[in-house]
Amino acid sequence: MTDNNLTNGPSYTTLRSIGDRKAQLLKEIRKDSDQINKLRQQLFSKPKMPAKRSGFMPSKLMGTGASVLDGLLLAWKLYRKFKRK
């Protein structure tokens, strides 16, 4: 005959011990669920960008200057192409 007792699992003798184990497992499950939610939020959230600095920025000045120069060259080329003779 086979023995139906669990030899590897915990043995419970009262309903109180079963309830305590159930409460402990529920607490662990909630803790793991909170940890998973935190990790998921970190994974899918956008990184915080530093605040934009205002004031004098040489790189901004270079970009604007290049755009103005490009516009002036275009205007000069169009003027030379369509000027009346």
Protein backbone atom coordinates (compact mmCIF):
# COMPACT_ATOMS: atom_id res chain seq x y z
CA MET A 1 0.00 0.00 0.00
CA THR A 2 1.04 3.56 -0.54
CA ASP A 3 1.36 6.14 2.17
CA ASN A 4 -0.78 9.25 1.44
CA ASN A 5 1.00 11.53 3.93
CA LEU A 6 3.11 14.38 2.60
CA THR A 7 6.64 13.79 3.81
CA ASN A 8 8.25 16.91 2.30
CA GLY A 9 5.54 19.50 2.99
CA PRO A 10 4.71 21.26 6.23
CA SER A 11 2.39 19.54 8.64
CA TYR A 12 -0.48 21.50 10.14
CA THR A 13 -2.33 20.30 13.20
CA THR A 14 -4.85 23.11 13.79
CA LEU A 15 -6.99 25.47 11.79
CA ARG A 16 -5.16 28.38 13.45
CA SER A 17 -1.81 27.21 12.06
CA ILE A 18 -3.36 26.95 8.59
CA GLY A 19 -4.80 30.47 8.92
CA ASP A 20 -1.45 31.83 10.09
CA ARG A 21 0.33 30.24 7.15
CA LYS A 22 -2.30 31.62 4.77
CA ALA A 23 -1.84 35.13 6.20
CA GLN A 24 1.95 34.82 5.90
CA LEU A 25 1.72 33.71 2.27
CA LEU A 26 -0.72 36.51 1.44
CA LYS A 27 1.68 39.04 2.97
CA GLU A 28 4.57 37.66 0.89
CA ILE A 29 2.46 37.72 -2.28
CA ARG A 30 1.49 41.36 -1.70
CA LYS A 31 5.11 42.32 -1.03
CA ASP A 32 6.24 40.60 -4.24
CA SER A 33 3.40 42.25 -6.16
CA ASP A 34 4.45 45.69 -4.89
CA GLN A 35 8.05 45.01 -5.90
CA ILE A 36 6.97 43.89 -9.39
CA ASN A 37 4.86 47.06 -9.78
CA LYS A 38 7.81 49.27 -8.79
CA LEU A 39 10.10 47.53 -11.27
CA ARG A 40 7.50 47.79 -14.03
CA GLN A 41 7.06 51.52 -13.39
CA GLN A 42 10.83 52.02 -13.55
CA LEU A 43 11.00 50.07 -16.79
CA PHE A 44 8.23 51.91 -18.63
CA SER A 45 8.50 55.44 -17.21
CA LYS A 46 10.18 58.22 -19.14
CA PRO A 47 13.48 59.37 -17.70
CA LYS A 48 13.34 62.76 -16.05
CA MET A 49 14.89 65.41 -18.23
CA PRO A 50 16.88 68.20 -16.64
CA ALA A 51 15.23 71.60 -16.62
CA LYS A 52 15.97 73.70 -19.67
CA ARG A 53 18.47 76.39 -18.92
CA SER A 54 17.75 79.84 -20.15
CA GLY A 55 20.21 82.57 -20.86
CA PHE A 56 23.27 82.79 -23.06
CA MET A 57 24.11 79.48 -24.70
CA PRO A 58 26.90 79.40 -27.33
CA SER A 59 25.43 76.32 -29.00
CA LYS A 60 22.03 78.01 -29.37
CA LEU A 61 23.73 81.07 -30.79
CA MET A 62 25.67 78.96 -33.32
CA GLY A 63 22.51 77.20 -34.48
CA THR A 64 20.62 80.43 -34.91
CA GLY A 65 23.55 82.08 -36.67
CA ALA A 66 23.86 79.17 -39.10
CA SER A 67 20.15 79.37 -39.91
CA VAL A 68 20.34 83.12 -40.55
CA LEU A 69 23.41 82.70 -42.77
CA ASP A 70 21.67 79.93 -44.73
CA GLY A 71 18.64 82.16 -45.25
CA LEU A 72 20.79 85.08 -46.45
CA LEU A 73 22.66 82.86 -48.92
CA LEU A 74 19.38 81.54 -50.31
CA ALA A 75 18.00 85.05 -50.67
CA TRP A 76 21.20 86.20 -52.46
CA LYS A 77 21.08 83.24 -54.89
CA LEU A 78 17.41 83.82 -55.67
CA TYR A 79 18.04 87.55 -56.15
CA ARG A 80 20.86 86.90 -58.61
CA LYS A 81 18.80 84.32 -60.49
CA PHE A 82 15.67 86.43 -60.94
CA LYS A 83 17.05 89.98 -61.11
CA ARG A 84 16.10 92.00 -64.18
CA LYS A 85 18.77 92.79 -66.70
